[in-house]
Amino acid sequence: MDQELEQLVQAILIAADPTSGNLHQQALEYLSTVQQNAANTWRVALSLFVDRNPDGSRKYPTTARFFALRVLDEFLDNRYVFSYSA
């Protein structure tokens, strides 16, 4: 999962920098896919949001943690809708 987390963080950082050219669009598309598949990606997003360094500081940048919250929000919204309609 560490490699998946690092790949996600790199995509988030590239997407946050519009000067990264062609990679910027690819990163945005990747992040859109991650968010749309929140039912499968929520665990990675949770780790991204809560992981800490040994000294207690946050392991990932604020931008990455904010994106993780968006994925978790998507997951919880969909889960609630499915639970409520069942």
PDB file of N, CA and C in Angstrom:
ATOM      1  N   MET A   1       0.817  -1.201   0.000  1.00  0.00           N
ATOM      2  CA  MET A   1       0.000   0.000   0.000  1.00  0.00           C
ATOM      3  C   MET A   1       0.859   1.262   0.000  1.00  0.00           C
ATOM      4  N   ASP A   2       2.088   1.158   0.501  1.00  0.00           N
ATOM      5  CA  ASP A   2       2.953   2.340   0.542  1.00  0.00           C
ATOM      6  C   ASP A   2       3.216   2.897  -0.855  1.00  0.00           C
ATOM      7  N   GLN A   3       3.438   2.017  -1.823  1.00  0.00           N
ATOM      8  CA  GLN A   3       3.680   2.473  -3.188  1.00  0.00           C
ATOM      9  C   GLN A   3       2.436   3.150  -3.746  1.00  0.00           C
ATOM     10  N   GLU A   4       1.272   2.594  -3.449  1.00  0.00           N
ATOM     11  CA  GLU A   4       0.017   3.188  -3.902  1.00  0.00           C
ATOM     12  C   GLU A   4      -0.195   4.566  -3.273  1.00  0.00           C
ATOM     13  N   LEU A   5       0.132   4.677  -1.999  1.00  0.00           N
ATOM     14  CA  LEU A   5       0.024   5.973  -1.317  1.00  0.00           C
ATOM     15  C   LEU A   5       0.963   7.002  -1.933  1.00  0.00           C
ATOM     16  N   GLU A   6       2.194   6.604  -2.166  1.00  0.00           N
ATOM     17  CA  GLU A   6       3.164   7.539  -2.738  1.00  0.00           C
ATOM     18  C   GLU A   6       2.753   7.974  -4.139  1.00  0.00           C
ATOM     19  N   GLN A   7       2.221   7.045  -4.925  1.00  0.00           N
ATOM     20  CA  GLN A   7       1.749   7.383  -6.270  1.00  0.00           C
ATOM     21  C   GLN A   7       0.601   8.384  -6.188  1.00  0.00           C
ATOM     22  N   LEU A   8      -0.306   8.162  -5.255  1.00  0.00           N
ATOM     23  CA  LEU A   8      -1.435   9.070  -5.081  1.00  0.00           C
ATOM     24  C   LEU A   8      -0.965  10.456  -4.645  1.00  0.00           C
ATOM     25  N   VAL A   9      -0.047  10.511  -3.715  1.00  0.00           N
ATOM     26  CA  VAL A   9       0.480  11.802  -3.254  1.00  0.00           C
ATOM     27  C   VAL A   9       1.165  12.535  -4.402  1.00  0.00           C
ATOM     28  N   GLN A  10       1.947  11.830  -5.200  1.00  0.00           N
ATOM     29  CA  GLN A  10       2.614  12.467  -6.339  1.00  0.00           C
ATOM     30  C   GLN A  10       1.588  13.026  -7.326  1.00  0.00           C
ATOM     31  N   ALA A  11       0.524  12.268  -7.585  1.00  0.00           N
ATOM     32  CA  ALA A  11      -0.526  12.744  -8.496  1.00  0.00           C
ATOM     33  C   ALA A  11      -1.202  13.984  -7.938  1.00  0.00           C
ATOM     34  N   ILE A  12      -1.434  14.012  -6.650  1.00  0.00           N
ATOM     35  CA  ILE A  12      -2.070  15.169  -6.010  1.00  0.00           C
ATOM     36  C   ILE A  12      -1.180  16.402  -6.143  1.00  0.00           C
ATOM     37  N   LEU A  13       0.102  16.223  -5.885  1.00  0.00           N
ATOM     38  CA  LEU A  13       1.036  17.354  -5.979  1.00  0.00           C
ATOM     39  C   LEU A  13       1.169  17.852  -7.414  1.00  0.00           C
ATOM     40  N   ILE A  14       1.179  16.947  -8.374  1.00  0.00           N
ATOM     41  CA  ILE A  14       1.242  17.353  -9.785  1.00  0.00           C
ATOM     42  C   ILE A  14      -0.038  18.071 -10.183  1.00  0.00           C
ATOM     43  N   ALA A  15      -1.178  17.551  -9.752  1.00  0.00           N
ATOM     44  CA  ALA A  15      -2.462  18.173 -10.086  1.00  0.00           C
ATOM     45  C   ALA A  15      -2.586  19.569  -9.474  1.00  0.00           C
ATOM     46  N   ALA A  16      -1.936  19.776  -8.340  1.00  0.00           N
ATOM     47  CA  ALA A  16      -1.995  21.080  -7.673  1.00  0.00           C
ATOM     48  C   ALA A  16      -1.105  22.122  -8.344  1.00  0.00           C
ATOM     49  N   ASP A  17      -0.254  21.676  -9.266  1.00  0.00           N
ATOM     50  CA  ASP A  17       0.668  22.579  -9.949  1.00  0.00           C
ATOM     51  C   ASP A  17       0.324  22.653 -11.435  1.00  0.00           C
ATOM     52  N   PRO A  18      -0.448  23.665 -11.842  1.00  0.00           N
ATOM     53  CA  PRO A  18      -0.868  23.757 -13.240  1.00  0.00           C
ATOM     54  C   PRO A  18       0.282  23.970 -14.220  1.00  0.00           C
ATOM     55  N   THR A  19       1.460  24.281 -13.733  1.00  0.00           N
ATOM     56  CA  THR A  19       2.597  24.473 -14.629  1.00  0.00           C
ATOM     57  C   THR A  19       3.273  23.154 -14.994  1.00  0.00           C
ATOM     58  N   SER A  20       2.764  22.037 -14.504  1.00  0.00           N
ATOM     59  CA  SER A  20       3.392  20.745 -14.785  1.00  0.00           C
ATOM     60  C   SER A  20       2.992  20.165 -16.134  1.00  0.00           C
ATOM     61  N   GLY A  21       2.371  20.981 -16.970  1.00  0.00           N
ATOM     62  CA  GLY A  21       2.102  20.630 -18.359  1.00  0.00           C
ATOM     63  C   GLY A  21       1.205  19.427 -18.550  1.00  0.00           C
ATOM     64  N   ASN A  22       1.644  18.507 -19.408  1.00  0.00           N
ATOM     65  CA  ASN A  22       0.867  17.342 -19.775  1.00  0.00           C
ATOM     66  C   ASN A  22       0.584  16.438 -18.575  1.00  0.00           C
ATOM     67  N   LEU A  23       1.523  16.368 -17.663  1.00  0.00           N
ATOM     68  CA  LEU A  23       1.320  15.551 -16.462  1.00  0.00           C
ATOM     69  C   LEU A  23       0.166  16.059 -15.615  1.00  0.00           C
ATOM     70  N   HIS A  24      -0.064  17.353 -15.656  1.00  0.00           N
ATOM     71  CA  HIS A  24      -1.148  17.963 -14.882  1.00  0.00           C
ATOM     72  C   HIS A  24      -2.491  17.336 -15.258  1.00  0.00           C
ATOM     73  N   GLN A  25      -2.778  17.247 -16.539  1.00  0.00           N
ATOM     74  CA  GLN A  25      -4.046  16.674 -16.995  1.00  0.00           C
ATOM     75  C   GLN A  25      -4.136  15.194 -16.648  1.00  0.00           C
ATOM     76  N   GLN A  26      -3.036  14.472 -16.810  1.00  0.00           N
ATOM     77  CA  GLN A  26      -3.030  13.048 -16.464  1.00  0.00           C
ATOM     78  C   GLN A  26      -3.290  12.844 -14.974  1.00  0.00           C
ATOM     79  N   ALA A  27      -2.695  13.692 -14.160  1.00  0.00           N
ATOM     80  CA  ALA A  27      -2.898  13.598 -12.712  1.00  0.00           C
ATOM     81  C   ALA A  27      -4.342  13.886 -12.354  1.00  0.00           C
ATOM     82  N   LEU A  28      -4.931  14.891 -12.980  1.00  0.00           N
ATOM     83  CA  LEU A  28      -6.337  15.208 -12.710  1.00  0.00           C
ATOM     84  C   LEU A  28      -7.248  14.039 -13.080  1.00  0.00           C
ATOM     85  N   GLU A  29      -6.967  13.403 -14.208  1.00  0.00           N
ATOM     86  CA  GLU A  29      -7.766  12.253 -14.626  1.00  0.00           C
ATOM     87  C   GLU A  29      -7.612  11.086 -13.647  1.00  0.00           C
ATOM     88  N   TYR A  30      -6.397  10.850 -13.209  1.00  0.00           N
ATOM     89  CA  TYR A  30      -6.138   9.781 -12.241  1.00  0.00           C
ATOM     90  C   TYR A  30      -6.884  10.048 -10.934  1.00  0.00           C
ATOM     91  N   LEU A  31      -6.808  11.282 -10.455  1.00  0.00           N
ATOM     92  CA  LEU A  31      -7.478  11.626  -9.201  1.00  0.00           C
ATOM     93  C   LEU A  31      -8.992  11.532  -9.336  1.00  0.00           C
ATOM     94  N   SER A  32      -9.516  11.879 -10.483  1.00  0.00           N
ATOM     95  CA  SER A  32     -10.949  11.739 -10.728  1.00  0.00           C
ATOM     96  C   SER A  32     -11.356  10.272 -10.643  1.00  0.00           C
ATOM     97  N   THR A  33     -10.547   9.397 -11.211  1.00  0.00           N
ATOM     98  CA  THR A  33     -10.818   7.958 -11.152  1.00  0.00           C
ATOM     99  C   THR A  33     -10.763   7.447  -9.715  1.00  0.00           C
ATOM    100  N   VAL A  34      -9.781   7.906  -8.964  1.00  0.00           N
ATOM    101  CA  VAL A  34      -9.661   7.506  -7.557  1.00  0.00           C
ATOM    102  C   VAL A  34     -10.909   7.926  -6.786  1.00  0.00           C
ATOM    103  N   GLN A  35     -11.347   9.151  -7.003  1.00  0.00           N
ATOM    104  CA  GLN A  35     -12.516   9.654  -6.276  1.00  0.00           C
ATOM    105  C   GLN A  35     -13.795   8.932  -6.712  1.00  0.00           C
ATOM    106  N   GLN A  36     -13.941   8.658  -7.993  1.00  0.00           N
ATOM    107  CA  GLN A  36     -15.130   7.966  -8.483  1.00  0.00           C
ATOM    108  C   GLN A  36     -15.199   6.524  -7.993  1.00  0.00           C
ATOM    109  N   ASN A  37     -14.052   5.946  -7.696  1.00  0.00           N
ATOM    110  CA  ASN A  37     -13.989   4.569  -7.196  1.00  0.00           C
ATOM    111  C   ASN A  37     -13.775   4.526  -5.686  1.00  0.00           C
ATOM    112  N   ALA A  38     -14.397   5.445  -4.993  1.00  0.00           N
ATOM    113  CA  ALA A  38     -14.200   5.573  -3.550  1.00  0.00           C
ATOM    114  C   ALA A  38     -14.526   4.289  -2.794  1.00  0.00           C
ATOM    115  N   ALA A  39     -15.427   3.481  -3.315  1.00  0.00           N
ATOM    116  CA  ALA A  39     -15.757   2.212  -2.653  1.00  0.00           C
ATOM    117  C   ALA A  39     -14.542   1.300  -2.579  1.00  0.00           C
ATOM    118  N   ASN A  40     -13.602   1.465  -3.511  1.00  0.00           N
ATOM    119  CA  ASN A  40     -12.391   0.646  -3.532  1.00  0.00           C
ATOM    120  C   ASN A  40     -11.156   1.387  -3.035  1.00  0.00           C
ATOM    121  N   THR A  41     -11.197   2.700  -3.016  1.00  0.00           N
ATOM    122  CA  THR A  41      -9.995   3.480  -2.685  1.00  0.00           C
ATOM    123  C   THR A  41     -10.060   4.150  -1.313  1.00  0.00           C
ATOM    124  N   TRP A  42     -11.139   3.950  -0.588  1.00  0.00           N
ATOM    125  CA  TRP A  42     -11.299   4.654   0.690  1.00  0.00           C
ATOM    126  C   TRP A  42     -10.218   4.273   1.704  1.00  0.00           C
ATOM    127  N   ARG A  43      -9.742   3.033   1.672  1.00  0.00           N
ATOM    128  CA  ARG A  43      -8.717   2.618   2.642  1.00  0.00           C
ATOM    129  C   ARG A  43      -7.404   3.379   2.420  1.00  0.00           C
ATOM    130  N   VAL A  44      -7.045   3.558   1.162  1.00  0.00           N
ATOM    131  CA  VAL A  44      -5.839   4.329   0.845  1.00  0.00           C
ATOM    132  C   VAL A  44      -6.030   5.778   1.287  1.00  0.00           C
ATOM    133  N   ALA A  45      -7.221   6.318   1.022  1.00  0.00           N
ATOM    134  CA  ALA A  45      -7.515   7.698   1.417  1.00  0.00           C
ATOM    135  C   ALA A  45      -7.458   7.846   2.937  1.00  0.00           C
ATOM    136  N   LEU A  46      -7.977   6.866   3.661  1.00  0.00           N
ATOM    137  CA  LEU A  46      -7.941   6.937   5.118  1.00  0.00           C
ATOM    138  C   LEU A  46      -6.503   6.947   5.620  1.00  0.00           C
ATOM    139  N   SER A  47      -5.672   6.081   5.068  1.00  0.00           N
ATOM    140  CA  SER A  47      -4.254   6.074   5.459  1.00  0.00           C
ATOM    141  C   SER A  47      -3.591   7.410   5.142  1.00  0.00           C
ATOM    142  N   LEU A  48      -3.898   7.928   3.968  1.00  0.00           N
ATOM    143  CA  LEU A  48      -3.343   9.215   3.555  1.00  0.00           C
ATOM    144  C   LEU A  48      -3.734  10.316   4.540  1.00  0.00           C
ATOM    145  N   PHE A  49      -4.931  10.245   5.046  1.00  0.00           N
ATOM    146  CA  PHE A  49      -5.396  11.280   5.958  1.00  0.00           C
ATOM    147  C   PHE A  49      -4.835  11.131   7.376  1.00  0.00           C
ATOM    148  N   VAL A  50      -4.719   9.905   7.882  1.00  0.00           N
ATOM    149  CA  VAL A  50      -4.383   9.737   9.296  1.00  0.00           C
ATOM    150  C   VAL A  50      -2.924   9.399   9.592  1.00  0.00           C
ATOM    151  N   ASP A  51      -2.160   8.922   8.607  1.00  0.00           N
ATOM    152  CA  ASP A  51      -0.788   8.494   8.884  1.00  0.00           C
ATOM    153  C   ASP A  51       0.064   9.626   9.446  1.00  0.00           C
ATOM    154  N   ARG A  52       0.914   9.227  10.393  1.00  0.00           N
ATOM    155  CA  ARG A  52       1.814  10.185  11.042  1.00  0.00           C
ATOM    156  C   ARG A  52       3.246   9.672  10.988  1.00  0.00           C
ATOM    157  N   ASN A  53       4.167  10.596  11.091  1.00  0.00           N
ATOM    158  CA  ASN A  53       5.584  10.272  11.204  1.00  0.00           C
ATOM    159  C   ASN A  53       5.874   9.809  12.627  1.00  0.00           C
ATOM    160  N   PRO A  54       7.030   9.179  12.872  1.00  0.00           N
ATOM    161  CA  PRO A  54       7.363   8.738  14.233  1.00  0.00           C
ATOM    162  C   PRO A  54       7.353   9.861  15.272  1.00  0.00           C
ATOM    163  N   ASP A  55       7.626  11.096  14.829  1.00  0.00           N
ATOM    164  CA  ASP A  55       7.620  12.220  15.769  1.00  0.00           C
ATOM    165  C   ASP A  55       6.216  12.775  16.025  1.00  0.00           C
ATOM    166  N   GLY A  56       5.212  12.182  15.392  1.00  0.00           N
ATOM    167  CA  GLY A  56       3.831  12.606  15.604  1.00  0.00           C
ATOM    168  C   GLY A  56       3.310  13.605  14.598  1.00  0.00           C
ATOM    169  N   SER A  57       4.181  14.124  13.749  1.00  0.00           N
ATOM    170  CA  SER A  57       3.734  15.080  12.736  1.00  0.00           C
ATOM    171  C   SER A  57       3.010  14.344  11.609  1.00  0.00           C
ATOM    172  N   ARG A  58       2.230  15.081  10.865  1.00  0.00           N
ATOM    173  CA  ARG A  58       1.499  14.487   9.746  1.00  0.00           C
ATOM    174  C   ARG A  58       2.477  14.012   8.683  1.00  0.00           C
ATOM    175  N   LYS A  59       2.206  12.844   8.136  1.00  0.00           N
ATOM    176  CA  LYS A  59       3.122  12.243   7.168  1.00  0.00           C
ATOM    177  C   LYS A  59       2.975  12.862   5.777  1.00  0.00           C
ATOM    178  N   TYR A  60       1.758  13.272   5.417  1.00  0.00           N
ATOM    179  CA  TYR A  60       1.493  13.754   4.063  1.00  0.00           C
ATOM    180  C   TYR A  60       1.083  15.223   4.084  1.00  0.00           C
ATOM    181  N   PRO A  61       1.325  15.932   2.978  1.00  0.00           N
ATOM    182  CA  PRO A  61       1.015  17.369   2.920  1.00  0.00           C
ATOM    183  C   PRO A  61      -0.491  17.634   3.041  1.00  0.00           C
ATOM    184  N   THR A  62      -0.808  18.845   3.422  1.00  0.00           N
ATOM    185  CA  THR A  62      -2.195  19.257   3.617  1.00  0.00           C
ATOM    186  C   THR A  62      -3.029  19.056   2.358  1.00  0.00           C
ATOM    187  N   THR A  63      -2.470  19.363   1.212  1.00  0.00           N
ATOM    188  CA  THR A  63      -3.192  19.203  -0.053  1.00  0.00           C
ATOM    189  C   THR A  63      -3.616  17.747  -0.249  1.00  0.00           C
ATOM    190  N   ALA A  64      -2.722  16.830   0.049  1.00  0.00           N
ATOM    191  CA  ALA A  64      -3.015  15.403  -0.091  1.00  0.00           C
ATOM    192  C   ALA A  64      -4.067  14.967   0.925  1.00  0.00           C
ATOM    193  N   ARG A  65      -3.956  15.467   2.120  1.00  0.00           N
ATOM    194  CA  ARG A  65      -4.926  15.103   3.166  1.00  0.00           C
ATOM    195  C   ARG A  65      -6.314  15.641   2.825  1.00  0.00           C
ATOM    196  N   PHE A  66      -6.378  16.816   2.235  1.00  0.00           N
ATOM    197  CA  PHE A  66      -7.663  17.385   1.832  1.00  0.00           C
ATOM    198  C   PHE A  66      -8.301  16.524   0.737  1.00  0.00           C
ATOM    199  N   PHE A  67      -7.497  16.089  -0.226  1.00  0.00           N
ATOM    200  CA  PHE A  67      -8.036  15.208  -1.259  1.00  0.00           C
ATOM    201  C   PHE A  67      -8.549  13.908  -0.635  1.00  0.00           C
ATOM    202  N   ALA A  68      -7.816  13.377   0.325  1.00  0.00           N
ATOM    203  CA  ALA A  68      -8.254  12.153   1.006  1.00  0.00           C
ATOM    204  C   ALA A  68      -9.619  12.350   1.654  1.00  0.00           C
ATOM    205  N   LEU A  69      -9.845  13.510   2.230  1.00  0.00           N
ATOM    206  CA  LEU A  69     -11.159  13.801   2.821  1.00  0.00           C
ATOM    207  C   LEU A  69     -12.256  13.788   1.764  1.00  0.00           C
ATOM    208  N   ARG A  70     -11.953  14.280   0.580  1.00  0.00           N
ATOM    209  CA  ARG A  70     -12.941  14.274  -0.504  1.00  0.00           C
ATOM    210  C   ARG A  70     -13.302  12.840  -0.894  1.00  0.00           C
ATOM    211  N   VAL A  71     -12.305  11.963  -0.961  1.00  0.00           N
ATOM    212  CA  VAL A  71     -12.562  10.559  -1.289  1.00  0.00           C
ATOM    213  C   VAL A  71     -13.388   9.909  -0.181  1.00  0.00           C
ATOM    214  N   LEU A  72     -13.022  10.166   1.063  1.00  0.00           N
ATOM    215  CA  LEU A  72     -13.774   9.603   2.184  1.00  0.00           C
ATOM    216  C   LEU A  72     -15.204  10.125   2.227  1.00  0.00           C
ATOM    217  N   ASP A  73     -15.383  11.387   1.914  1.00  0.00           N
ATOM    218  CA  ASP A  73     -16.726  11.969   1.849  1.00  0.00           C
ATOM    219  C   ASP A  73     -17.549  11.279   0.768  1.00  0.00           C
ATOM    220  N   GLU A  74     -16.946  11.064  -0.383  1.00  0.00           N
ATOM    221  CA  GLU A  74     -17.624  10.370  -1.483  1.00  0.00           C
ATOM    222  C   GLU A  74     -18.022   8.958  -1.055  1.00  0.00           C
ATOM    223  N   PHE A  75     -17.109   8.267  -0.398  1.00  0.00           N
ATOM    224  CA  PHE A  75     -17.382   6.909   0.066  1.00  0.00           C
ATOM    225  C   PHE A  75     -18.543   6.900   1.063  1.00  0.00           C
ATOM    226  N   LEU A  76     -18.494   7.776   2.033  1.00  0.00           N
ATOM    227  CA  LEU A  76     -19.545   7.802   3.058  1.00  0.00           C
ATOM    228  C   LEU A  76     -20.885   8.243   2.489  1.00  0.00           C
ATOM    229  N   ASP A  77     -20.880   9.186   1.565  1.00  0.00           N
ATOM    230  CA  ASP A  77     -22.141   9.591   0.920  1.00  0.00           C
ATOM    231  C   ASP A  77     -22.768   8.421   0.181  1.00  0.00           C
ATOM    232  N   ASN A  78     -21.973   7.691  -0.579  1.00  0.00           N
ATOM    233  CA  ASN A  78     -22.490   6.550  -1.336  1.00  0.00           C
ATOM    234  C   ASN A  78     -22.920   5.421  -0.418  1.00  0.00           C
ATOM    235  N   ARG A  79     -22.180   5.192   0.625  1.00  0.00           N
ATOM    236  CA  ARG A  79     -22.521   4.128   1.567  1.00  0.00           C
ATOM    237  C   ARG A  79     -23.842   4.446   2.255  1.00  0.00           C
ATOM    238  N   TYR A  80     -24.035   5.684   2.636  1.00  0.00           N
ATOM    239  CA  TYR A  80     -25.271   6.088   3.297  1.00  0.00           C
ATOM    240  C   TYR A  80     -26.455   5.923   2.348  1.00  0.00           C
ATOM    241  N   VAL A  81     -26.289   6.311   1.093  1.00  0.00           N
ATOM    242  CA  VAL A  81     -27.364   6.191   0.118  1.00  0.00           C
ATOM    243  C   VAL A  81     -27.728   4.724  -0.066  1.00  0.00           C
ATOM    244  N   PHE A  82     -26.731   3.842  -0.182  1.00  0.00           N
ATOM    245  CA  PHE A  82     -27.009   2.431  -0.376  1.00  0.00           C
ATOM    246  C   PHE A  82     -27.657   1.833   0.859  1.00  0.00           C
ATOM    247  N   SER A  83     -27.220   2.219   2.031  1.00  0.00           N
ATOM    248  CA  SER A  83     -27.797   1.706   3.271  1.00  0.00           C
ATOM    249  C   SER A  83     -29.221   2.188   3.462  1.00  0.00           C
ATOM    250  N   TYR A  84     -29.448   3.447   3.124  1.00  0.00           N
ATOM    251  CA  TYR A  84     -30.757   4.047   3.328  1.00  0.00           C
ATOM    252  C   TYR A  84     -31.801   3.481   2.375  1.00  0.00           C
ATOM    253  N   SER A  85     -31.403   3.180   1.149  1.00  0.00           N
ATOM    254  CA  SER A  85     -32.362   2.708   0.155  1.00  0.00           C
ATOM    255  C   SER A  85     -32.608   1.202   0.262  1.00  0.00           C
ATOM    256  N   ALA A  86     -31.812   0.501   1.052  1.00  0.00           N
ATOM    257  CA  ALA A  86     -31.978  -0.956   1.171  1.00  0.00           C
ATOM    258  C   ALA A  86     -33.119  -1.337   2.070  1.00  0.00           C
TER     259      ALA A  86
END
